[in-house]
Amino acid sequence: ATFQPPRSYTPLRPPPASIMVELARRRPLRLMLLLAAAAAPAAAWRAAPSMSSGLDRRGVLAKVAAGAAAATGIMGLSTAPAYAGDIADLSRLKKGLDGLNYLLENWVKETTLCNPECNRSPDNVRFYLGRRSTEHPLYKIENLMNGKPLLNRVDPDAVEDFVAAVEAWNTAVSQADQMAYTSMFGEYNPGGGKDEVEKYLELSRKEVISGRDALVTIIKLADL
């Protein structure tokens, strides 16, 4: 069954953007992988081959990526804490995708709350993005996306596309979250009103679509 939100809860501010996004913007992929291995303990280098070992480019990238991920997670980040969700449970990606598709297919229903008067409920968007419940399959999903279990499934020749898709996901989710959060207070801001609520809710919907598309790409590249 699709993971759906409760009908009432207290809004929270969105968490900070993933560190991975900033690193991906500032470094070419191959340099990032090498820096990750360099920053990792010696185990990462032992897992990576010598450049003169006879392995082709594909094999070198695969070994370096695997070594770095084994020691610290892709791009040298520390491993995810236990509360961040199981990074080995790759089914979370498809469950999250199912939820986003459900949200988009039932947008008006899922962003409207009647009690008894009907008003738009932008905070439901944040729930489907995994920002409102630690039990949601997309909660801290960036830790899974940066982790070894998922990376090991990606063809080394497609790693750049994978990183781009993860960056697109992080950007879209951050924007969708912010637009939904802004929409929640659209009626109370100076010059605001129901039109402002609708305006930012629509902007959030467009970002949810972008995030859903990026997630589809991630799942495809990981052959899930």
C-alpha atoms as a PDB file:
ATOM      1  CA  ALA A   1       0.000   0.000   0.000  1.00  0.00           C
ATOM      2  CA  THR A   2       1.159   3.545  -0.703  1.00  0.00           C
ATOM      3  CA  PHE A   3       2.623   5.261   2.340  1.00  0.00           C
ATOM      4  CA  GLN A   4       0.171   8.100   3.062  1.00  0.00           C
ATOM      5  CA  PRO A   5       0.262  10.895   5.632  1.00  0.00           C
ATOM      6  CA  PRO A   6      -1.874  11.304   8.720  1.00  0.00           C
ATOM      7  CA  ARG A   7      -4.434  14.042   8.410  1.00  0.00           C
ATOM      8  CA  SER A   8      -2.915  16.332  11.015  1.00  0.00           C
ATOM      9  CA  TYR A   9       0.609  17.047  12.239  1.00  0.00           C
ATOM     10  CA  THR A  10       2.823  19.960  13.225  1.00  0.00           C
ATOM     11  CA  PRO A  11       4.918  21.570  10.451  1.00  0.00           C
ATOM     12  CA  LEU A  12       8.695  21.492  10.779  1.00  0.00           C
ATOM     13  CA  ARG A  13      11.346  23.500   9.001  1.00  0.00           C
ATOM     14  CA  PRO A  14      13.112  21.669   6.164  1.00  0.00           C
ATOM     15  CA  PRO A  15      16.510  20.139   6.936  1.00  0.00           C
ATOM     16  CA  PRO A  16      19.673  21.526   5.253  1.00  0.00           C
ATOM     17  CA  ALA A  17      20.516  20.457   1.693  1.00  0.00           C
ATOM     18  CA  SER A  18      22.655  17.378   1.191  1.00  0.00           C
ATOM     19  CA  ILE A  19      26.418  17.925   1.286  1.00  0.00           C
ATOM     20  CA  MET A  20      26.647  15.740  -1.776  1.00  0.00           C
ATOM     21  CA  VAL A  21      24.945  18.386  -3.928  1.00  0.00           C
ATOM     22  CA  GLU A  22      27.585  20.980  -3.150  1.00  0.00           C
ATOM     23  CA  LEU A  23      30.435  18.557  -3.806  1.00  0.00           C
ATOM     24  CA  ALA A  24      28.896  17.428  -7.081  1.00  0.00           C
ATOM     25  CA  ARG A  25      28.637  21.032  -8.249  1.00  0.00           C
ATOM     26  CA  ARG A  26      32.208  21.907  -7.416  1.00  0.00           C
ATOM     27  CA  ARG A  27      34.157  18.856  -8.600  1.00  0.00           C
ATOM     28  CA  PRO A  28      34.203  16.739 -11.774  1.00  0.00           C
ATOM     29  CA  LEU A  29      33.084  13.196 -11.088  1.00  0.00           C
ATOM     30  CA  ARG A  30      36.427  11.455 -11.489  1.00  0.00           C
ATOM     31  CA  LEU A  31      38.165  13.984  -9.260  1.00  0.00           C
ATOM     32  CA  MET A  32      35.456  13.514  -6.641  1.00  0.00           C
ATOM     33  CA  LEU A  33      35.960   9.756  -6.635  1.00  0.00           C
ATOM     34  CA  LEU A  34      39.715  10.090  -6.324  1.00  0.00           C
ATOM     35  CA  LEU A  35      39.392  12.669  -3.538  1.00  0.00           C
ATOM     36  CA  ALA A  36      36.981  10.355  -1.750  1.00  0.00           C
ATOM     37  CA  ALA A  37      39.493   7.536  -1.919  1.00  0.00           C
ATOM     38  CA  ALA A  38      42.322   9.860  -0.834  1.00  0.00           C
ATOM     39  CA  ALA A  39      40.346  11.041   2.184  1.00  0.00           C
ATOM     40  CA  ALA A  40      39.362   7.501   3.141  1.00  0.00           C
ATOM     41  CA  PRO A  41      41.370   5.168   5.376  1.00  0.00           C
ATOM     42  CA  ALA A  42      43.954   2.897   3.783  1.00  0.00           C
ATOM     43  CA  ALA A  43      41.267   0.282   3.161  1.00  0.00           C
ATOM     44  CA  ALA A  44      39.971   2.395   0.315  1.00  0.00           C
ATOM     45  CA  TRP A  45      43.316   2.359  -1.458  1.00  0.00           C
ATOM     46  CA  ARG A  46      43.763  -1.355  -0.873  1.00  0.00           C
ATOM     47  CA  ALA A  47      40.429  -1.877  -2.639  1.00  0.00           C
ATOM     48  CA  ALA A  48      41.498   0.360  -5.532  1.00  0.00           C
ATOM     49  CA  PRO A  49      43.888  -0.997  -8.177  1.00  0.00           C
ATOM     50  CA  SER A  50      47.164   0.451  -9.335  1.00  0.00           C
ATOM     51  CA  MET A  51      46.838   2.557 -12.482  1.00  0.00           C
ATOM     52  CA  SER A  52      49.447   0.297 -14.038  1.00  0.00           C
ATOM     53  CA  SER A  53      47.733  -2.939 -13.111  1.00  0.00           C
ATOM     54  CA  GLY A  54      46.379  -3.457 -16.602  1.00  0.00           C
ATOM     55  CA  LEU A  55      42.760  -2.773 -15.739  1.00  0.00           C
ATOM     56  CA  ASP A  56      40.851  -0.645 -18.207  1.00  0.00           C
ATOM     57  CA  ARG A  57      39.261   2.706 -17.326  1.00  0.00           C
ATOM     58  CA  ARG A  58      35.967   1.029 -16.434  1.00  0.00           C
ATOM     59  CA  GLY A  59      37.643  -1.344 -14.001  1.00  0.00           C
ATOM     60  CA  VAL A  60      39.721   1.407 -12.388  1.00  0.00           C
ATOM     61  CA  LEU A  61      36.675   3.612 -11.789  1.00  0.00           C
ATOM     62  CA  ALA A  62      34.686   0.707 -10.408  1.00  0.00           C
ATOM     63  CA  LYS A  63      37.425  -0.280  -7.946  1.00  0.00           C
ATOM     64  CA  VAL A  64      38.120   3.285  -6.815  1.00  0.00           C
ATOM     65  CA  ALA A  65      34.426   3.978  -6.327  1.00  0.00           C
ATOM     66  CA  ALA A  66      33.896   0.728  -4.455  1.00  0.00           C
ATOM     67  CA  GLY A  67      36.945   1.310  -2.259  1.00  0.00           C
ATOM     68  CA  ALA A  68      35.926   4.844  -1.364  1.00  0.00           C
ATOM     69  CA  ALA A  69      32.333   3.849  -0.736  1.00  0.00           C
ATOM     70  CA  ALA A  70      33.393   0.934   1.445  1.00  0.00           C
ATOM     71  CA  ALA A  71      35.443   3.179   3.704  1.00  0.00           C
ATOM     72  CA  THR A  72      33.395   6.342   3.924  1.00  0.00           C
ATOM     73  CA  GLY A  73      30.443   6.293   1.507  1.00  0.00           C
ATOM     74  CA  ILE A  74      30.614   7.955  -1.920  1.00  0.00           C
ATOM     75  CA  MET A  75      32.529  11.267  -1.907  1.00  0.00           C
ATOM     76  CA  GLY A  76      34.187  10.605   1.416  1.00  0.00           C
ATOM     77  CA  LEU A  77      31.140  11.253   3.601  1.00  0.00           C
ATOM     78  CA  SER A  78      30.683   9.384   6.855  1.00  0.00           C
ATOM     79  CA  THR A  79      28.332   6.449   6.875  1.00  0.00           C
ATOM     80  CA  ALA A  80      24.684   7.122   7.640  1.00  0.00           C
ATOM     81  CA  PRO A  81      23.586   6.956  11.284  1.00  0.00           C
ATOM     82  CA  ALA A  82      21.178   4.189  12.199  1.00  0.00           C
ATOM     83  CA  TYR A  83      18.250   6.561  12.611  1.00  0.00           C
ATOM     84  CA  ALA A  84      18.544   7.757   8.999  1.00  0.00           C
ATOM     85  CA  GLY A  85      16.934   4.624   7.593  1.00  0.00           C
ATOM     86  CA  ASP A  86      18.409   1.408   6.273  1.00  0.00           C
ATOM     87  CA  ILE A  87      20.742   2.266   3.372  1.00  0.00           C
ATOM     88  CA  ALA A  88      20.697  -1.391   2.332  1.00  0.00           C
ATOM     89  CA  ASP A  89      16.917  -1.380   1.898  1.00  0.00           C
ATOM     90  CA  LEU A  90      16.849  -0.328  -1.740  1.00  0.00           C
ATOM     91  CA  SER A  91      13.114  -1.021  -1.903  1.00  0.00           C
ATOM     92  CA  ARG A  92      12.681   2.371  -0.240  1.00  0.00           C
ATOM     93  CA  LEU A  93      13.335   4.015  -3.613  1.00  0.00           C
ATOM     94  CA  LYS A  94      10.442   2.319  -5.369  1.00  0.00           C
ATOM     95  CA  LYS A  95       8.156   2.795  -2.389  1.00  0.00           C
ATOM     96  CA  GLY A  96       8.994   6.485  -2.416  1.00  0.00           C
ATOM     97  CA  LEU A  97       8.397   6.663  -6.157  1.00  0.00           C
ATOM     98  CA  ASP A  98       5.000   5.025  -5.744  1.00  0.00           C
ATOM     99  CA  GLY A  99       4.133   7.653  -3.154  1.00  0.00           C
ATOM    100  CA  LEU A 100       5.189  10.547  -5.396  1.00  0.00           C
ATOM    101  CA  ASN A 101       3.200   9.137  -8.306  1.00  0.00           C
ATOM    102  CA  TYR A 102       0.179   8.792  -6.041  1.00  0.00           C
ATOM    103  CA  LEU A 103       0.594  12.373  -4.847  1.00  0.00           C
ATOM    104  CA  LEU A 104       0.826  13.750  -8.390  1.00  0.00           C
ATOM    105  CA  GLU A 105      -2.121  11.684  -9.603  1.00  0.00           C
ATOM    106  CA  ASN A 106      -4.237  12.850  -6.655  1.00  0.00           C
ATOM    107  CA  TRP A 107      -2.760  16.312  -6.189  1.00  0.00           C
ATOM    108  CA  VAL A 108      -5.894  18.268  -5.307  1.00  0.00           C
ATOM    109  CA  LYS A 109      -7.206  15.577  -2.975  1.00  0.00           C
ATOM    110  CA  GLU A 110      -3.882  15.127  -1.182  1.00  0.00           C
ATOM    111  CA  THR A 111      -3.250  18.855  -0.805  1.00  0.00           C
ATOM    112  CA  THR A 112      -6.722  19.684   0.496  1.00  0.00           C
ATOM    113  CA  LEU A 113      -7.890  19.166   4.068  1.00  0.00           C
ATOM    114  CA  CYS A 114     -11.560  19.448   5.059  1.00  0.00           C
ATOM    115  CA  ASN A 115     -12.331  19.909   8.758  1.00  0.00           C
ATOM    116  CA  PRO A 116     -15.186  20.706   8.027  1.00  0.00           C
ATOM    117  CA  GLU A 117     -14.244  23.700   5.851  1.00  0.00           C
ATOM    118  CA  CYS A 118     -11.925  22.724   3.006  1.00  0.00           C
ATOM    119  CA  ASN A 119      -8.534  24.440   2.710  1.00  0.00           C
ATOM    120  CA  ARG A 120      -5.350  23.631   0.867  1.00  0.00           C
ATOM    121  CA  SER A 121      -2.833  21.633   2.906  1.00  0.00           C
ATOM    122  CA  PRO A 122       0.632  22.159   1.352  1.00  0.00           C
ATOM    123  CA  ASP A 123       2.355  20.376   4.239  1.00  0.00           C
ATOM    124  CA  ASN A 124       1.131  17.058   2.836  1.00  0.00           C
ATOM    125  CA  VAL A 125       3.587  17.584  -0.019  1.00  0.00           C
ATOM    126  CA  ARG A 126       6.405  17.624   2.489  1.00  0.00           C
ATOM    127  CA  PHE A 127       5.171  14.345   3.922  1.00  0.00           C
ATOM    128  CA  TYR A 128       5.392  12.584   0.551  1.00  0.00           C
ATOM    129  CA  LEU A 129       8.926  13.953   0.133  1.00  0.00           C
ATOM    130  CA  GLY A 130       9.970  12.179   3.327  1.00  0.00           C
ATOM    131  CA  ARG A 131      10.357  15.408   5.318  1.00  0.00           C
ATOM    132  CA  ARG A 132       7.634  14.783   7.895  1.00  0.00           C
ATOM    133  CA  SER A 133       8.103  11.276   9.254  1.00  0.00           C
ATOM    134  CA  THR A 134      11.137   9.194  10.217  1.00  0.00           C
ATOM    135  CA  GLU A 135       9.189   6.117   9.091  1.00  0.00           C
ATOM    136  CA  HIS A 136       8.668   7.370   5.536  1.00  0.00           C
ATOM    137  CA  PRO A 137      10.666   5.445   2.893  1.00  0.00           C
ATOM    138  CA  LEU A 138      12.177   8.708   1.571  1.00  0.00           C
ATOM    139  CA  TYR A 139      13.270   9.972   4.988  1.00  0.00           C
ATOM    140  CA  LYS A 140      16.967  10.931   4.647  1.00  0.00           C
ATOM    141  CA  ILE A 141      17.046   9.007   1.386  1.00  0.00           C
ATOM    142  CA  GLU A 142      20.201  10.924   0.400  1.00  0.00           C
ATOM    143  CA  ASN A 143      22.130   8.628   2.748  1.00  0.00           C
ATOM    144  CA  LEU A 144      20.956   5.637   0.747  1.00  0.00           C
ATOM    145  CA  MET A 145      21.707   7.395  -2.554  1.00  0.00           C
ATOM    146  CA  ASN A 146      25.258   8.117  -1.374  1.00  0.00           C
ATOM    147  CA  GLY A 147      25.821   4.632   0.011  1.00  0.00           C
ATOM    148  CA  LYS A 148      27.755   1.634  -1.227  1.00  0.00           C
ATOM    149  CA  PRO A 149      24.797  -0.785  -1.676  1.00  0.00           C
ATOM    150  CA  LEU A 150      23.184   1.430  -4.314  1.00  0.00           C
ATOM    151  CA  LEU A 151      26.416   2.627  -5.931  1.00  0.00           C
ATOM    152  CA  ASN A 152      27.582  -0.952  -6.417  1.00  0.00           C
ATOM    153  CA  ARG A 153      24.595  -1.545  -8.698  1.00  0.00           C
ATOM    154  CA  VAL A 154      25.477   1.338 -11.038  1.00  0.00           C
ATOM    155  CA  ASP A 155      27.488   0.635 -14.168  1.00  0.00           C
ATOM    156  CA  PRO A 156      30.818   2.511 -13.812  1.00  0.00           C
ATOM    157  CA  ASP A 157      30.241   4.099 -17.219  1.00  0.00           C
ATOM    158  CA  ALA A 158      26.946   5.522 -15.921  1.00  0.00           C
ATOM    159  CA  VAL A 159      28.242   6.914 -12.627  1.00  0.00           C
ATOM    160  CA  GLU A 160      28.326  10.478 -13.946  1.00  0.00           C
ATOM    161  CA  ASP A 161      24.687  10.216 -15.015  1.00  0.00           C
ATOM    162  CA  PHE A 162      23.878   8.732 -11.624  1.00  0.00           C
ATOM    163  CA  VAL A 163      25.526  11.617  -9.748  1.00  0.00           C
ATOM    164  CA  ALA A 164      23.700  14.117 -11.976  1.00  0.00           C
ATOM    165  CA  ALA A 165      20.381  12.399 -11.229  1.00  0.00           C
ATOM    166  CA  VAL A 166      21.060  12.449  -7.476  1.00  0.00           C
ATOM    167  CA  GLU A 167      21.926  16.133  -7.691  1.00  0.00           C
ATOM    168  CA  ALA A 168      18.717  16.781  -9.651  1.00  0.00           C
ATOM    169  CA  TRP A 169      16.757  14.874  -7.000  1.00  0.00           C
ATOM    170  CA  ASN A 170      18.277  16.841  -4.115  1.00  0.00           C
ATOM    171  CA  THR A 171      17.704  20.164  -5.850  1.00  0.00           C
ATOM    172  CA  ALA A 172      14.100  19.388  -6.807  1.00  0.00           C
ATOM    173  CA  VAL A 173      13.176  18.054  -3.375  1.00  0.00           C
ATOM    174  CA  SER A 174      14.736  21.039  -1.636  1.00  0.00           C
ATOM    175  CA  GLN A 175      12.821  23.436  -3.898  1.00  0.00           C
ATOM    176  CA  ALA A 176       9.546  21.501  -3.615  1.00  0.00           C
ATOM    177  CA  ASP A 177       9.900  21.487   0.161  1.00  0.00           C
ATOM    178  CA  GLN A 178      10.593  25.227   0.315  1.00  0.00           C
ATOM    179  CA  MET A 179       7.727  26.108  -2.034  1.00  0.00           C
ATOM    180  CA  ALA A 180       5.295  23.958  -0.031  1.00  0.00           C
ATOM    181  CA  TYR A 181       6.511  25.515   3.205  1.00  0.00           C
ATOM    182  CA  THR A 182       6.082  29.021   1.745  1.00  0.00           C
ATOM    183  CA  SER A 183       2.608  28.118   0.504  1.00  0.00           C
ATOM    184  CA  MET A 184       1.555  27.162   4.029  1.00  0.00           C
ATOM    185  CA  PHE A 185       1.858  30.806   5.080  1.00  0.00           C
ATOM    186  CA  GLY A 186       0.726  32.392   1.809  1.00  0.00           C
ATOM    187  CA  GLU A 187      -2.416  33.832   3.350  1.00  0.00           C
ATOM    188  CA  TYR A 188      -0.601  35.464   6.252  1.00  0.00           C
ATOM    189  CA  ASN A 189       2.309  37.156   4.494  1.00  0.00           C
ATOM    190  CA  PRO A 190       1.989  40.864   3.532  1.00  0.00           C
ATOM    191  CA  GLY A 191       0.006  41.065   0.311  1.00  0.00           C
ATOM    192  CA  GLY A 192      -0.790  37.390   0.566  1.00  0.00           C
ATOM    193  CA  GLY A 193      -4.004  35.456   0.180  1.00  0.00           C
ATOM    194  CA  LYS A 194      -5.373  32.243  -1.265  1.00  0.00           C
ATOM    195  CA  ASP A 195      -3.832  33.150  -4.625  1.00  0.00           C
ATOM    196  CA  GLU A 196      -0.384  33.064  -3.028  1.00  0.00           C
ATOM    197  CA  VAL A 197      -1.125  29.675  -1.497  1.00  0.00           C
ATOM    198  CA  GLU A 198      -2.060  28.337  -4.929  1.00  0.00           C
ATOM    199  CA  LYS A 199       0.915  30.006  -6.616  1.00  0.00           C
ATOM    200  CA  TYR A 200       3.547  28.415  -4.390  1.00  0.00           C
ATOM    201  CA  LEU A 201       1.715  25.106  -4.261  1.00  0.00           C
ATOM    202  CA  GLU A 202       1.845  24.938  -8.049  1.00  0.00           C
ATOM    203  CA  LEU A 203       5.568  25.766  -7.991  1.00  0.00           C
ATOM    204  CA  SER A 204       5.999  22.939  -5.503  1.00  0.00           C
ATOM    205  CA  ARG A 205       4.080  20.552  -7.774  1.00  0.00           C
ATOM    206  CA  LYS A 206       6.429  21.296 -10.680  1.00  0.00           C
ATOM    207  CA  GLU A 207       9.447  20.552  -8.502  1.00  0.00           C
ATOM    208  CA  VAL A 208       7.851  17.311  -7.297  1.00  0.00           C
ATOM    209  CA  ILE A 209       7.552  16.283 -10.949  1.00  0.00           C
ATOM    210  CA  SER A 210      11.244  17.052 -11.490  1.00  0.00           C
ATOM    211  CA  GLY A 211      12.163  15.084  -8.383  1.00  0.00           C
ATOM    212  CA  ARG A 212       9.989  12.155  -9.421  1.00  0.00           C
ATOM    213  CA  ASP A 213      11.664  12.089 -12.830  1.00  0.00           C
ATOM    214  CA  ALA A 214      15.126  12.165 -11.237  1.00  0.00           C
ATOM    215  CA  LEU A 215      14.135   9.292  -8.951  1.00  0.00           C
ATOM    216  CA  VAL A 216      12.975   7.289 -11.969  1.00  0.00           C
ATOM    217  CA  THR A 217      16.431   7.807 -13.494  1.00  0.00           C
ATOM    218  CA  ILE A 218      18.199   6.759 -10.296  1.00  0.00           C
ATOM    219  CA  ILE A 219      16.164   3.563 -10.089  1.00  0.00           C
ATOM    220  CA  LYS A 220      16.818   2.816 -13.757  1.00  0.00           C
ATOM    221  CA  LEU A 221      20.573   3.373 -13.504  1.00  0.00           C
ATOM    222  CA  ALA A 222      20.708   1.137 -10.441  1.00  0.00           C
ATOM    223  CA  ASP A 223      18.763  -1.524 -12.347  1.00  0.00           C
ATOM    224  CA  LEU A 224      16.174  -1.907  -9.594  1.00  0.00           C
END
